[in-house]
Each structure stands twice: as C-alpha cells, then as structure tokens.
Amino acid sequence: MTERRINAGILGTGHYLPPHILTNEELAQRVDTSDEWITSRTGIHARRIAAADVPVTALAEPAARMALADAGIEADAIDLIIFATLTPDRVIPAAACELQRRLGAVHAAAFDLSAACSGFVYAAAVACQFIEAGIYRHVLVIGAEELSKVVDWQDRGTCILFGDGAGAAVFGPVSAGLGALAFDLGADGSQGEALTIPASGSLHPVTEERLRAGENFIHMDGKAVFRFAVTVMGKTVETSLARAGLTKDALDWLVPHQANIRIIEAAAKRLGLPLAQVIINIENYGNMSAASIPVALSEAAHAHRFRRGDRIALAGFGAGLTWASCILRWAKED
C-alpha cells in the first residue's frame, strides 16, 4: 500500500512595517536626488525605517503573531522557525532563537537562513520538505530585514532602494491538490561581488579601518544585478511551472520580489500576465530583501485578493547571486 503524500501549504500570513515613513522628498534633502529621479528609475515613492533601538526580531514578532492568529495556531504548536534575513539582531544567537523566545514557541527548533532577497522562498522550500516528510507539522517562516542599518545614507545608488519590514507565513498540511506544487532554487556564486557587504564576516572582520572605508555597508553593482534579475525572474517561474506540469496561462497571480518596477514589469511580460494579476507594493516600501515577498503576499491575502485554488507564483532574486520561485495553490478559504 502506497503511503499518502502530505501536501504542505500556507495556513496563515502576517506582516508588520515600522511606523516611520521616509519619502523620496525627505531623502532628497540628504543626498543629491529627487522624487522624479527615484520614481522613474525604480518605482519607489517611500520606504519604512525602523528606529535605531529596534532590532529586526521586534519587527518579526508582530508579523509572526499575525500569521499565527490567521492560521488559528498557538505558538507552542510551532515545530520549527526558519528566519530568512541578512540583518539579524546579532551574528549569534540566531534571530530565529530570539524570535522563539519572544513568541514563547517552546517546542520549536529554530535557525536562520541566508539567501538575501530569495530567502523567504528558500525557507518556504525547506519548510515544505519537513512537512511533506512527516518530520514537522507546523513551520513558521519569517522574512524580515532592517536594511536601513546597513546602507550608506550618502550613497544615492543604494540608499534610495531599501527599507525595513517583516512578513511571515505558517506552513502546514493542506488538502490534496493544494499547497506547494513545485520549487526552483538556484545560485551563481561567480557573481557574488555584485551585491555584498564587504566587512561583515570572517573574510574581512569589522575594524576601524574598514568602518572608515564604509565597508560595513551594502555595495552593489546596480547594472549587473539588474541584468541578472531581468533574465532570471521570469525564467525561474517558467521552470517551477514546468515542474508543476503547468503552462503560463494556468497562472493566476505573481508575487515578485519588490526591487525595481521595471524588473517586475519584465517578468510579468515574459509570463504573459497583466499587471492587474501581479502583486506590487514597491511604491510604498522599496526593497525589503527577504521581507518583500512575504509582506506583499500577506497584504494581498488579508485584502482577500486570493481565492482557494488560485495558482500563485512567488519569485525572487538577490545577493549570492541567488534566485528562487515556487508555485502554490492557495489553500485558505476566503
């Protein structure tokens, strides 16, 4: 007798954005830029900024609690917490462990995952594997960032792009035919220098000299990242669709990483999707790295834009360089 496969999907979502809004007009008072210059090149009008004394786990906690409530799950029913971030509170302990403490998720294993802007989808793939294997039943996946603390606010090439926020999803068993249908994860380490924080680890530990050189901030080759993203965003969704046995016309929604409106538009065009079927919030939040996809997903879910059975593609790219996508059949009732 063949053992019945466990289908893993999203039971609930949540999001949280810090209250302080930094507009393009305000940013133009700090660096040589303008609202028109930023908007025309990126689609970003504003971004959220966390207070200096607020760690990333403090953003993740309300997002996680919202997701737990949406799923109807208590914190002590969580078996595993996967925290996707490039801006943890500290190198050790893991942000996931601190979040476990904050939530009182006393039975949960916990670890961080580093895949930058692709991190939430990477973490979702890991969560689904644990559930489908029957090892864990409920997995909390977090994407949360405080990029405002790792950008040089004098570098207009990067400081205009990034913001802070947190998104979360509870994954668990769902009905047959629903949930995660396929994933595509990938990386090209040969392009790692295109997006990096040079002084952030064992290669170049933080020293006074490296601080003076600004090596503790994000350094990005914008043109290289843009070329990579335009190619990979649509392609990775096509790969996931093929693995799910679906064609592009079967797709109901695209929830893309929110890095640049032109990249999003290029991906939608390649997939044959009108922008009305693409979840876009970049104008309000900018690029929140691992938080971008789960925040957009949660906002759309709580606005009742998805219906049970909808086929949804999540797609991201980021430092590494990495890419990731998945195809979900939405399992929640409206």
C-alpha atoms as a PDB file:
ATOM      1  CA  MET A   1       0.000   0.000   0.000  1.00  0.00           C
ATOM      2  CA  THR A   2       1.389   3.425  -1.001  1.00  0.00           C
ATOM      3  CA  GLU A   3       1.646   5.901   1.866  1.00  0.00           C
ATOM      4  CA  ARG A   4      -0.438   9.032   1.269  1.00  0.00           C
ATOM      5  CA  ARG A   5       1.665  12.085   0.452  1.00  0.00           C
ATOM      6  CA  ILE A   6       1.360  15.048   2.814  1.00  0.00           C
ATOM      7  CA  ASN A   7       0.682  18.298   0.980  1.00  0.00           C
ATOM      8  CA  ALA A   8       2.301  21.367   2.532  1.00  0.00           C
ATOM      9  CA  GLY A   9       0.856  24.845   2.111  1.00  0.00           C
ATOM     10  CA  ILE A  10       0.245  28.181   3.769  1.00  0.00           C
ATOM     11  CA  LEU A  11      -2.196  28.189   6.695  1.00  0.00           C
ATOM     12  CA  GLY A  12      -1.829  31.861   7.612  1.00  0.00           C
ATOM     13  CA  THR A  13       0.131  35.013   6.824  1.00  0.00           C
ATOM     14  CA  GLY A  14       1.177  38.166   8.637  1.00  0.00           C
ATOM     15  CA  HIS A  15       3.172  41.342   8.126  1.00  0.00           C
ATOM     16  CA  TYR A  16       4.483  44.318  10.024  1.00  0.00           C
ATOM     17  CA  LEU A  17       6.033  47.599   8.882  1.00  0.00           C
ATOM     18  CA  PRO A  18       7.729  50.090  11.212  1.00  0.00           C
ATOM     19  CA  PRO A  19       5.683  53.290  11.512  1.00  0.00           C
ATOM     20  CA  HIS A  20       8.267  55.814  10.298  1.00  0.00           C
ATOM     21  CA  ILE A  21       7.876  56.632   6.583  1.00  0.00           C
ATOM     22  CA  LEU A  22      10.814  58.130   4.679  1.00  0.00           C
ATOM     23  CA  THR A  23       9.612  59.731   1.443  1.00  0.00           C
ATOM     24  CA  ASN A  24      11.654  60.497  -1.639  1.00  0.00           C
ATOM     25  CA  GLU A  25      11.248  64.205  -0.941  1.00  0.00           C
ATOM     26  CA  GLU A  26      12.772  63.790   2.526  1.00  0.00           C
ATOM     27  CA  LEU A  27      15.566  61.633   1.132  1.00  0.00           C
ATOM     28  CA  ALA A  28      16.357  64.339  -1.427  1.00  0.00           C
ATOM     29  CA  GLN A  29      17.308  66.595   1.491  1.00  0.00           C
ATOM     30  CA  ARG A  30      20.083  64.137   2.429  1.00  0.00           C
ATOM     31  CA  VAL A  31      21.559  63.180  -0.949  1.00  0.00           C
ATOM     32  CA  ASP A  32      21.633  64.557  -4.492  1.00  0.00           C
ATOM     33  CA  THR A  33      18.409  63.030  -5.826  1.00  0.00           C
ATOM     34  CA  SER A  34      14.744  63.828  -6.391  1.00  0.00           C
ATOM     35  CA  ASP A  35      11.357  62.149  -6.250  1.00  0.00           C
ATOM     36  CA  GLU A  36      11.172  62.145 -10.063  1.00  0.00           C
ATOM     37  CA  TRP A  37      14.650  60.612 -10.423  1.00  0.00           C
ATOM     38  CA  ILE A  38      13.922  57.792  -7.943  1.00  0.00           C
ATOM     39  CA  THR A  39      10.388  57.077  -9.116  1.00  0.00           C
ATOM     40  CA  SER A  40      11.207  56.977 -12.816  1.00  0.00           C
ATOM     41  CA  ARG A  41      14.085  54.538 -12.294  1.00  0.00           C
ATOM     42  CA  THR A  42      12.720  52.295  -9.542  1.00  0.00           C
ATOM     43  CA  GLY A  43       9.008  52.862  -8.940  1.00  0.00           C
ATOM     44  CA  ILE A  44       9.716  53.632  -5.264  1.00  0.00           C
ATOM     45  CA  HIS A  45       7.971  56.593  -3.598  1.00  0.00           C
ATOM     46  CA  ALA A  46       8.681  55.836   0.061  1.00  0.00           C
ATOM     47  CA  ARG A  47      10.119  53.246   2.425  1.00  0.00           C
ATOM     48  CA  ARG A  48       9.693  52.323   6.111  1.00  0.00           C
ATOM     49  CA  ILE A  49      12.561  52.839   8.548  1.00  0.00           C
ATOM     50  CA  ALA A  50      12.963  51.104  11.917  1.00  0.00           C
ATOM     51  CA  ALA A  51      14.087  53.108  14.937  1.00  0.00           C
ATOM     52  CA  ALA A  52      17.753  52.840  15.908  1.00  0.00           C
ATOM     53  CA  ASP A  53      16.999  50.852  19.078  1.00  0.00           C
ATOM     54  CA  VAL A  54      14.564  48.407  17.444  1.00  0.00           C
ATOM     55  CA  PRO A  55      16.086  45.052  16.358  1.00  0.00           C
ATOM     56  CA  VAL A  56      14.794  43.038  13.425  1.00  0.00           C
ATOM     57  CA  THR A  57      13.206  40.442  15.713  1.00  0.00           C
ATOM     58  CA  ALA A  58      10.986  43.213  17.100  1.00  0.00           C
ATOM     59  CA  LEU A  59       9.583  43.637  13.573  1.00  0.00           C
ATOM     60  CA  ALA A  60       9.289  39.893  13.083  1.00  0.00           C
ATOM     61  CA  GLU A  61       7.325  39.285  16.288  1.00  0.00           C
ATOM     62  CA  PRO A  62       4.086  41.120  15.355  1.00  0.00           C
ATOM     63  CA  ALA A  63       4.249  39.694  11.825  1.00  0.00           C
ATOM     64  CA  ALA A  64       4.592  36.204  13.272  1.00  0.00           C
ATOM     65  CA  ARG A  65       1.767  36.726  15.766  1.00  0.00           C
ATOM     66  CA  MET A  66      -0.477  37.938  12.942  1.00  0.00           C
ATOM     67  CA  ALA A  67       0.352  34.824  10.907  1.00  0.00           C
ATOM     68  CA  LEU A  68      -0.285  32.529  13.869  1.00  0.00           C
ATOM     69  CA  ALA A  69      -3.658  34.159  14.531  1.00  0.00           C
ATOM     70  CA  ASP A  70      -4.555  33.904  10.841  1.00  0.00           C
ATOM     71  CA  ALA A  71      -3.682  30.207  10.891  1.00  0.00           C
ATOM     72  CA  GLY A  72      -5.504  29.576  14.169  1.00  0.00           C
ATOM     73  CA  ILE A  73      -2.275  28.170  15.632  1.00  0.00           C
ATOM     74  CA  GLU A  74      -0.815  28.808  19.082  1.00  0.00           C
ATOM     75  CA  ALA A  75       2.903  29.497  19.381  1.00  0.00           C
ATOM     76  CA  ASP A  76       3.535  26.298  21.311  1.00  0.00           C
ATOM     77  CA  ALA A  77       2.210  24.301  18.334  1.00  0.00           C
ATOM     78  CA  ILE A  78       5.064  25.511  16.098  1.00  0.00           C
ATOM     79  CA  ASP A  79       7.642  22.790  15.474  1.00  0.00           C
ATOM     80  CA  LEU A  80      10.219  24.846  13.580  1.00  0.00           C
ATOM     81  CA  ILE A  81      11.046  28.507  12.969  1.00  0.00           C
ATOM     82  CA  ILE A  82      13.043  29.455   9.862  1.00  0.00           C
ATOM     83  CA  PHE A  83      14.115  33.113   9.845  1.00  0.00           C
ATOM     84  CA  ALA A  84      15.285  34.459   6.463  1.00  0.00           C
ATOM     85  CA  THR A  85      17.350  37.616   6.931  1.00  0.00           C
ATOM     86  CA  LEU A  86      20.646  39.284   6.142  1.00  0.00           C
ATOM     87  CA  THR A  87      20.266  41.703   9.070  1.00  0.00           C
ATOM     88  CA  PRO A  88      19.878  39.538  12.204  1.00  0.00           C
ATOM     89  CA  ASP A  89      19.994  41.137  15.644  1.00  0.00           C
ATOM     90  CA  ARG A  90      23.463  39.642  16.063  1.00  0.00           C
ATOM     91  CA  VAL A  91      25.627  37.041  14.337  1.00  0.00           C
ATOM     92  CA  ILE A  92      24.878  34.730  17.285  1.00  0.00           C
ATOM     93  CA  PRO A  93      22.473  33.702  18.620  1.00  0.00           C
ATOM     94  CA  ALA A  94      20.282  33.214  15.569  1.00  0.00           C
ATOM     95  CA  ALA A  95      17.416  35.659  15.124  1.00  0.00           C
ATOM     96  CA  ALA A  96      15.142  32.607  14.941  1.00  0.00           C
ATOM     97  CA  CYS A  97      16.103  31.677  18.506  1.00  0.00           C
ATOM     98  CA  GLU A  98      15.341  35.178  19.779  1.00  0.00           C
ATOM     99  CA  LEU A  99      12.003  35.100  17.958  1.00  0.00           C
ATOM    100  CA  GLN A 100      11.248  31.736  19.545  1.00  0.00           C
ATOM    101  CA  ARG A 101      11.790  33.341  22.956  1.00  0.00           C
ATOM    102  CA  ARG A 102       9.616  36.347  22.099  1.00  0.00           C
ATOM    103  CA  LEU A 103       6.760  34.150  20.889  1.00  0.00           C
ATOM    104  CA  GLY A 104       7.016  31.504  23.589  1.00  0.00           C
ATOM    105  CA  ALA A 105       7.297  28.837  20.900  1.00  0.00           C
ATOM    106  CA  VAL A 106       8.866  26.478  23.421  1.00  0.00           C
ATOM    107  CA  HIS A 107       8.675  23.338  21.262  1.00  0.00           C
ATOM    108  CA  ALA A 108      10.200  24.853  18.119  1.00  0.00           C
ATOM    109  CA  ALA A 109      13.595  24.202  16.649  1.00  0.00           C
ATOM    110  CA  ALA A 110      14.975  27.415  15.163  1.00  0.00           C
ATOM    111  CA  PHE A 111      17.572  28.547  12.650  1.00  0.00           C
ATOM    112  CA  ASP A 112      18.381  31.441  10.323  1.00  0.00           C
ATOM    113  CA  LEU A 113      18.657  31.148   6.543  1.00  0.00           C
ATOM    114  CA  SER A 114      20.798  33.447   4.406  1.00  0.00           C
ATOM    115  CA  ALA A 115      19.782  33.801   0.752  1.00  0.00           C
ATOM    116  CA  ALA A 116      19.170  37.568   0.787  1.00  0.00           C
ATOM    117  CA  CYS A 117      16.121  38.609  -1.259  1.00  0.00           C
ATOM    118  CA  SER A 118      15.451  34.979  -2.269  1.00  0.00           C
ATOM    119  CA  GLY A 119      15.444  33.955   1.385  1.00  0.00           C
ATOM    120  CA  PHE A 120      11.714  33.629   2.009  1.00  0.00           C
ATOM    121  CA  VAL A 121      11.189  31.268  -0.933  1.00  0.00           C
ATOM    122  CA  TYR A 122      14.282  29.250   0.003  1.00  0.00           C
ATOM    123  CA  ALA A 123      12.899  28.981   3.550  1.00  0.00           C
ATOM    124  CA  ALA A 124       9.463  28.027   2.253  1.00  0.00           C
ATOM    125  CA  ALA A 125      11.042  25.168   0.288  1.00  0.00           C
ATOM    126  CA  VAL A 126      12.791  23.896   3.422  1.00  0.00           C
ATOM    127  CA  ALA A 127       9.580  24.188   5.448  1.00  0.00           C
ATOM    128  CA  CYS A 128       7.583  22.211   2.908  1.00  0.00           C
ATOM    129  CA  GLN A 129      10.194  19.454   2.811  1.00  0.00           C
ATOM    130  CA  PHE A 130       9.993  18.984   6.594  1.00  0.00           C
ATOM    131  CA  ILE A 131       6.182  18.870   6.479  1.00  0.00           C
ATOM    132  CA  GLU A 132       5.927  16.570   3.456  1.00  0.00           C
ATOM    133  CA  ALA A 133       8.464  14.211   5.037  1.00  0.00           C
ATOM    134  CA  GLY A 134       6.276  13.978   8.132  1.00  0.00           C
ATOM    135  CA  ILE A 135       9.023  15.313  10.408  1.00  0.00           C
ATOM    136  CA  TYR A 136       7.240  18.528  11.447  1.00  0.00           C
ATOM    137  CA  ARG A 137       3.607  19.597  11.231  1.00  0.00           C
ATOM    138  CA  HIS A 138       3.719  23.380  11.618  1.00  0.00           C
ATOM    139  CA  VAL A 139       6.610  25.555  10.436  1.00  0.00           C
ATOM    140  CA  LEU A 140       6.795  29.319  10.880  1.00  0.00           C
ATOM    141  CA  VAL A 141       8.704  31.034   8.065  1.00  0.00           C
ATOM    142  CA  ILE A 142       9.819  34.647   8.543  1.00  0.00           C
ATOM    143  CA  GLY A 143      11.361  37.122   6.121  1.00  0.00           C
ATOM    144  CA  ALA A 144      12.452  40.247   7.995  1.00  0.00           C
ATOM    145  CA  GLU A 145      15.039  42.949   7.401  1.00  0.00           C
ATOM    146  CA  GLU A 146      16.375  46.248   8.689  1.00  0.00           C
ATOM    147  CA  LEU A 147      18.338  47.303   5.632  1.00  0.00           C
ATOM    148  CA  SER A 148      18.327  50.924   6.781  1.00  0.00           C
ATOM    149  CA  LYS A 149      21.084  49.894   9.196  1.00  0.00           C
ATOM    150  CA  VAL A 150      23.400  48.507   6.505  1.00  0.00           C
ATOM    151  CA  VAL A 151      23.111  51.203   3.822  1.00  0.00           C
ATOM    152  CA  ASP A 152      25.332  54.255   3.423  1.00  0.00           C
ATOM    153  CA  TRP A 153      22.906  57.158   3.572  1.00  0.00           C
ATOM    154  CA  GLN A 154      25.319  59.238   1.495  1.00  0.00           C
ATOM    155  CA  ASP A 155      25.326  56.735  -1.387  1.00  0.00           C
ATOM    156  CA  ARG A 156      22.352  57.565  -3.579  1.00  0.00           C
ATOM    157  CA  GLY A 157      22.920  54.430  -5.646  1.00  0.00           C
ATOM    158  CA  THR A 158      21.812  52.238  -2.733  1.00  0.00           C
ATOM    159  CA  CYS A 159      20.119  54.301  -0.023  1.00  0.00           C
ATOM    160  CA  ILE A 160      17.148  55.135  -2.248  1.00  0.00           C
ATOM    161  CA  LEU A 161      16.333  51.459  -2.758  1.00  0.00           C
ATOM    162  CA  PHE A 162      15.991  49.816   0.608  1.00  0.00           C
ATOM    163  CA  GLY A 163      13.557  49.727   3.507  1.00  0.00           C
ATOM    164  CA  ASP A 164      12.617  47.758   6.607  1.00  0.00           C
ATOM    165  CA  GLY A 165       9.794  45.334   7.347  1.00  0.00           C
ATOM    166  CA  ALA A 166       8.745  41.799   8.191  1.00  0.00           C
ATOM    167  CA  GLY A 167       6.480  39.171   6.665  1.00  0.00           C
ATOM    168  CA  ALA A 168       5.542  35.721   7.940  1.00  0.00           C
ATOM    169  CA  ALA A 169       3.703  32.570   6.956  1.00  0.00           C
ATOM    170  CA  VAL A 170       2.692  29.451   8.845  1.00  0.00           C
ATOM    171  CA  PHE A 171       3.111  26.325   6.734  1.00  0.00           C
ATOM    172  CA  GLY A 172       1.336  23.077   7.498  1.00  0.00           C
ATOM    173  CA  PRO A 173      -0.618  20.171   5.986  1.00  0.00           C
ATOM    174  CA  VAL A 174      -3.310  21.126   3.461  1.00  0.00           C
ATOM    175  CA  SER A 175      -5.836  19.246   1.327  1.00  0.00           C
ATOM    176  CA  ALA A 176      -4.723  17.153  -1.625  1.00  0.00           C
ATOM    177  CA  GLY A 177      -4.032  19.178  -4.757  1.00  0.00           C
ATOM    178  CA  LEU A 178      -3.404  22.387  -2.794  1.00  0.00           C
ATOM    179  CA  GLY A 179      -0.276  23.968  -1.326  1.00  0.00           C
ATOM    180  CA  ALA A 180       3.215  23.925  -2.784  1.00  0.00           C
ATOM    181  CA  LEU A 181       3.322  22.309  -6.219  1.00  0.00           C
ATOM    182  CA  ALA A 182       6.932  22.989  -7.258  1.00  0.00           C
ATOM    183  CA  PHE A 183      10.062  24.977  -6.425  1.00  0.00           C
ATOM    184  CA  ASP A 184      13.093  26.230  -8.336  1.00  0.00           C
ATOM    185  CA  LEU A 185      16.116  27.344  -6.313  1.00  0.00           C
ATOM    186  CA  GLY A 186      19.449  28.417  -7.744  1.00  0.00           C
ATOM    187  CA  ALA A 187      22.635  30.397  -7.296  1.00  0.00           C
ATOM    188  CA  ASP A 188      25.545  31.804  -9.270  1.00  0.00           C
ATOM    189  CA  GLY A 189      28.368  32.398  -6.817  1.00  0.00           C
ATOM    190  CA  SER A 190      30.614  33.739  -9.570  1.00  0.00           C
ATOM    191  CA  GLN A 191      28.590  36.969  -9.394  1.00  0.00           C
ATOM    192  CA  GLY A 192      28.732  37.295  -5.624  1.00  0.00           C
ATOM    193  CA  GLU A 193      30.685  40.538  -5.664  1.00  0.00           C
ATOM    194  CA  ALA A 194      27.864  42.304  -7.493  1.00  0.00           C
ATOM    195  CA  LEU A 195      25.966  42.679  -4.214  1.00  0.00           C
ATOM    196  CA  THR A 196      27.858  42.417  -0.958  1.00  0.00           C
ATOM    197  CA  ILE A 197      28.675  43.890   2.441  1.00  0.00           C
ATOM    198  CA  PRO A 198      32.482  43.584   2.362  1.00  0.00           C
ATOM    199  CA  ALA A 199      33.207  43.863   6.101  1.00  0.00           C
ATOM    200  CA  SER A 200      30.648  41.555   7.638  1.00  0.00           C
ATOM    201  CA  GLY A 201      32.292  38.223   8.375  1.00  0.00           C
ATOM    202  CA  SER A 202      35.490  36.228   8.681  1.00  0.00           C
ATOM    203  CA  LEU A 203      36.974  37.350   5.341  1.00  0.00           C
ATOM    204  CA  HIS A 204      37.103  40.988   6.367  1.00  0.00           C
ATOM    205  CA  PRO A 205      36.176  41.394  10.037  1.00  0.00           C
ATOM    206  CA  VAL A 206      34.895  44.794  11.075  1.00  0.00           C
ATOM    207  CA  THR A 207      37.786  47.063  12.069  1.00  0.00           C
ATOM    208  CA  GLU A 208      38.139  50.821  12.493  1.00  0.00           C
ATOM    209  CA  GLU A 209      39.872  50.982   9.117  1.00  0.00           C
ATOM    210  CA  ARG A 210      37.089  49.120   7.343  1.00  0.00           C
ATOM    211  CA  LEU A 211      34.459  51.211   9.093  1.00  0.00           C
ATOM    212  CA  ARG A 212      36.162  54.381   7.850  1.00  0.00           C
ATOM    213  CA  ALA A 213      36.122  52.911   4.337  1.00  0.00           C
ATOM    214  CA  GLY A 214      32.382  52.227   4.585  1.00  0.00           C
ATOM    215  CA  GLU A 215      32.854  48.505   4.035  1.00  0.00           C
ATOM    216  CA  ASN A 216      30.182  47.677   6.604  1.00  0.00           C
ATOM    217  CA  PHE A 217      27.527  48.979   4.187  1.00  0.00           C
ATOM    218  CA  ILE A 218      25.883  47.429   1.120  1.00  0.00           C
ATOM    219  CA  HIS A 219      27.989  47.698  -2.044  1.00  0.00           C
ATOM    220  CA  MET A 220      26.158  46.985  -5.277  1.00  0.00           C
ATOM    221  CA  ASP A 221      26.892  46.871  -8.983  1.00  0.00           C
ATOM    222  CA  GLY A 222      23.426  48.027  -9.979  1.00  0.00           C
ATOM    223  CA  LYS A 223      23.780  47.306 -13.688  1.00  0.00           C
ATOM    224  CA  ALA A 224      24.997  43.745 -13.125  1.00  0.00           C
ATOM    225  CA  VAL A 225      22.204  42.979 -10.657  1.00  0.00           C
ATOM    226  CA  PHE A 226      19.595  44.490 -12.991  1.00  0.00           C
ATOM    227  CA  ARG A 227      20.776  42.397 -15.967  1.00  0.00           C
ATOM    228  CA  PHE A 228      20.731  39.261 -13.838  1.00  0.00           C
ATOM    229  CA  ALA A 229      17.278  39.972 -12.420  1.00  0.00           C
ATOM    230  CA  VAL A 230      15.590  40.764 -15.730  1.00  0.00           C
ATOM    231  CA  THR A 231      16.764  37.418 -17.088  1.00  0.00           C
ATOM    232  CA  VAL A 232      16.176  35.208 -14.067  1.00  0.00           C
ATOM    233  CA  MET A 233      12.836  36.406 -12.621  1.00  0.00           C
ATOM    234  CA  GLY A 234      10.619  35.167 -15.431  1.00  0.00           C
ATOM    235  CA  LYS A 235      12.827  32.183 -16.217  1.00  0.00           C
ATOM    236  CA  THR A 236      12.685  30.734 -12.697  1.00  0.00           C
ATOM    237  CA  VAL A 237       8.868  30.915 -12.683  1.00  0.00           C
ATOM    238  CA  GLU A 238       8.807  29.096 -16.032  1.00  0.00           C
ATOM    239  CA  THR A 239      10.972  26.366 -14.502  1.00  0.00           C
ATOM    240  CA  SER A 240       8.688  25.985 -11.482  1.00  0.00           C
ATOM    241  CA  LEU A 241       5.615  25.906 -13.726  1.00  0.00           C
ATOM    242  CA  ALA A 242       7.167  23.144 -15.837  1.00  0.00           C
ATOM    243  CA  ARG A 243       7.990  21.121 -12.722  1.00  0.00           C
ATOM    244  CA  ALA A 244       4.372  21.505 -11.618  1.00  0.00           C
ATOM    245  CA  GLY A 245       3.169  20.330 -15.032  1.00  0.00           C
ATOM    246  CA  LEU A 246       1.596  23.713 -15.760  1.00  0.00           C
ATOM    247  CA  THR A 247       1.825  26.298 -18.514  1.00  0.00           C
ATOM    248  CA  LYS A 248       1.995  30.062 -18.133  1.00  0.00           C
ATOM    249  CA  ASP A 249      -1.687  30.538 -18.887  1.00  0.00           C
ATOM    250  CA  ALA A 250      -2.551  28.497 -15.769  1.00  0.00           C
ATOM    251  CA  LEU A 251      -1.073  31.168 -13.500  1.00  0.00           C
ATOM    252  CA  ASP A 252      -3.495  33.397 -11.591  1.00  0.00           C
ATOM    253  CA  TRP A 253      -1.059  35.593  -9.639  1.00  0.00           C
ATOM    254  CA  LEU A 254       2.588  36.589  -9.454  1.00  0.00           C
ATOM    255  CA  VAL A 255       4.050  37.781  -6.150  1.00  0.00           C
ATOM    256  CA  PRO A 256       7.531  39.023  -7.120  1.00  0.00           C
ATOM    257  CA  HIS A 257      10.422  40.378  -5.122  1.00  0.00           C
ATOM    258  CA  GLN A 258       9.964  44.147  -4.959  1.00  0.00           C
ATOM    259  CA  ALA A 259      13.314  45.508  -6.140  1.00  0.00           C
ATOM    260  CA  ASN A 260      12.539  47.589  -9.217  1.00  0.00           C
ATOM    261  CA  ILE A 261       9.279  48.170 -11.080  1.00  0.00           C
ATOM    262  CA  ARG A 262      10.994  47.622 -14.441  1.00  0.00           C
ATOM    263  CA  ILE A 263      12.174  44.173 -13.345  1.00  0.00           C
ATOM    264  CA  ILE A 264       8.656  43.305 -12.190  1.00  0.00           C
ATOM    265  CA  GLU A 265       7.172  44.515 -15.476  1.00  0.00           C
ATOM    266  CA  ALA A 266       9.698  42.489 -17.479  1.00  0.00           C
ATOM    267  CA  ALA A 267       8.850  39.322 -15.542  1.00  0.00           C
ATOM    268  CA  ALA A 268       5.111  39.883 -15.982  1.00  0.00           C
ATOM    269  CA  LYS A 269       5.553  40.419 -19.724  1.00  0.00           C
ATOM    270  CA  ARG A 270       7.578  37.226 -20.109  1.00  0.00           C
ATOM    271  CA  LEU A 271       4.898  35.277 -18.244  1.00  0.00           C
ATOM    272  CA  GLY A 272       2.062  36.877 -20.188  1.00  0.00           C
ATOM    273  CA  LEU A 273       0.452  38.278 -17.047  1.00  0.00           C
ATOM    274  CA  PRO A 274      -1.276  41.661 -16.944  1.00  0.00           C
ATOM    275  CA  LEU A 275      -0.075  43.867 -14.085  1.00  0.00           C
ATOM    276  CA  ALA A 276      -3.541  43.541 -12.539  1.00  0.00           C
ATOM    277  CA  GLN A 277      -2.521  39.970 -11.665  1.00  0.00           C
ATOM    278  CA  VAL A 278       0.825  40.993 -10.170  1.00  0.00           C
ATOM    279  CA  ILE A 279       1.073  41.959  -6.502  1.00  0.00           C
ATOM    280  CA  ILE A 280       3.030  45.216  -6.374  1.00  0.00           C
ATOM    281  CA  ASN A 281       3.751  47.347  -3.299  1.00  0.00           C
ATOM    282  CA  ILE A 282       7.219  48.639  -4.148  1.00  0.00           C
ATOM    283  CA  GLU A 283       5.974  52.230  -4.259  1.00  0.00           C
ATOM    284  CA  ASN A 284       5.279  52.159  -0.507  1.00  0.00           C
ATOM    285  CA  TYR A 285       8.153  50.090   0.866  1.00  0.00           C
ATOM    286  CA  GLY A 286      11.049  49.825  -1.583  1.00  0.00           C
ATOM    287  CA  ASN A 287      13.247  46.741  -1.479  1.00  0.00           C
ATOM    288  CA  MET A 288      12.947  44.908   1.857  1.00  0.00           C
ATOM    289  CA  SER A 289      15.067  41.940   0.744  1.00  0.00           C
ATOM    290  CA  ALA A 290      13.779  38.744   2.398  1.00  0.00           C
ATOM    291  CA  ALA A 291      10.709  40.619   3.695  1.00  0.00           C
ATOM    292  CA  SER A 292       9.489  41.832   0.288  1.00  0.00           C
ATOM    293  CA  ILE A 293       7.714  38.684  -0.903  1.00  0.00           C
ATOM    294  CA  PRO A 294       6.030  37.714   2.398  1.00  0.00           C
ATOM    295  CA  VAL A 295       4.842  41.287   3.059  1.00  0.00           C
ATOM    296  CA  ALA A 296       3.336  41.519  -0.446  1.00  0.00           C
ATOM    297  CA  LEU A 297       1.825  38.034  -0.063  1.00  0.00           C
ATOM    298  CA  SER A 298       0.322  38.812   3.333  1.00  0.00           C
ATOM    299  CA  GLU A 299      -1.080  42.194   2.293  1.00  0.00           C
ATOM    300  CA  ALA A 300      -2.770  40.613  -0.714  1.00  0.00           C
ATOM    301  CA  ALA A 301      -4.098  37.686   1.313  1.00  0.00           C
ATOM    302  CA  HIS A 302      -5.578  39.925   4.000  1.00  0.00           C
ATOM    303  CA  ALA A 303      -7.114  42.113   1.288  1.00  0.00           C
ATOM    304  CA  HIS A 304      -8.906  38.925   0.076  1.00  0.00           C
ATOM    305  CA  ARG A 305      -7.301  39.063  -3.362  1.00  0.00           C
ATOM    306  CA  PHE A 306      -6.675  35.303  -3.444  1.00  0.00           C
ATOM    307  CA  ARG A 307      -9.295  32.586  -3.724  1.00  0.00           C
ATOM    308  CA  ARG A 308      -8.938  28.960  -2.661  1.00  0.00           C
ATOM    309  CA  GLY A 309      -7.370  27.045  -5.525  1.00  0.00           C
ATOM    310  CA  ASP A 310      -5.675  30.070  -7.135  1.00  0.00           C
ATOM    311  CA  ARG A 311      -2.288  29.279  -8.644  1.00  0.00           C
ATOM    312  CA  ILE A 312       0.256  31.756  -7.270  1.00  0.00           C
ATOM    313  CA  ALA A 313       3.907  32.149  -8.257  1.00  0.00           C
ATOM    314  CA  LEU A 314       6.406  33.578  -5.776  1.00  0.00           C
ATOM    315  CA  ALA A 315       9.673  34.712  -7.358  1.00  0.00           C
ATOM    316  CA  GLY A 316      12.801  36.427  -6.086  1.00  0.00           C
ATOM    317  CA  PHE A 317      16.464  37.097  -6.735  1.00  0.00           C
ATOM    318  CA  GLY A 318      19.189  38.501  -4.558  1.00  0.00           C
ATOM    319  CA  ALA A 319      22.736  38.564  -3.281  1.00  0.00           C
ATOM    320  CA  GLY A 320      24.696  35.418  -3.898  1.00  0.00           C
ATOM    321  CA  LEU A 321      23.598  35.835  -6.584  1.00  0.00           C
ATOM    322  CA  THR A 322      20.559  33.687  -5.888  1.00  0.00           C
ATOM    323  CA  TRP A 323      17.139  33.093  -7.379  1.00  0.00           C
ATOM    324  CA  ALA A 324      14.076  31.220  -6.221  1.00  0.00           C
ATOM    325  CA  SER A 325      10.470  30.600  -7.204  1.00  0.00           C
ATOM    326  CA  CYS A 326       7.587  28.374  -6.259  1.00  0.00           C
ATOM    327  CA  ILE A 327       4.076  27.617  -7.444  1.00  0.00           C
ATOM    328  CA  LEU A 328       1.376  27.447  -4.791  1.00  0.00           C
ATOM    329  CA  ARG A 329      -2.281  26.527  -4.996  1.00  0.00           C
ATOM    330  CA  TRP A 330      -3.856  28.752  -2.392  1.00  0.00           C
ATOM    331  CA  ALA A 331      -5.281  26.594   0.380  1.00  0.00           C
ATOM    332  CA  LYS A 332      -7.054  29.108   2.638  1.00  0.00           C
ATOM    333  CA  GLU A 333     -10.741  29.802   2.449  1.00  0.00           C
ATOM    334  CA  ASP A 334     -11.514  33.475   1.761  1.00  0.00           C
END
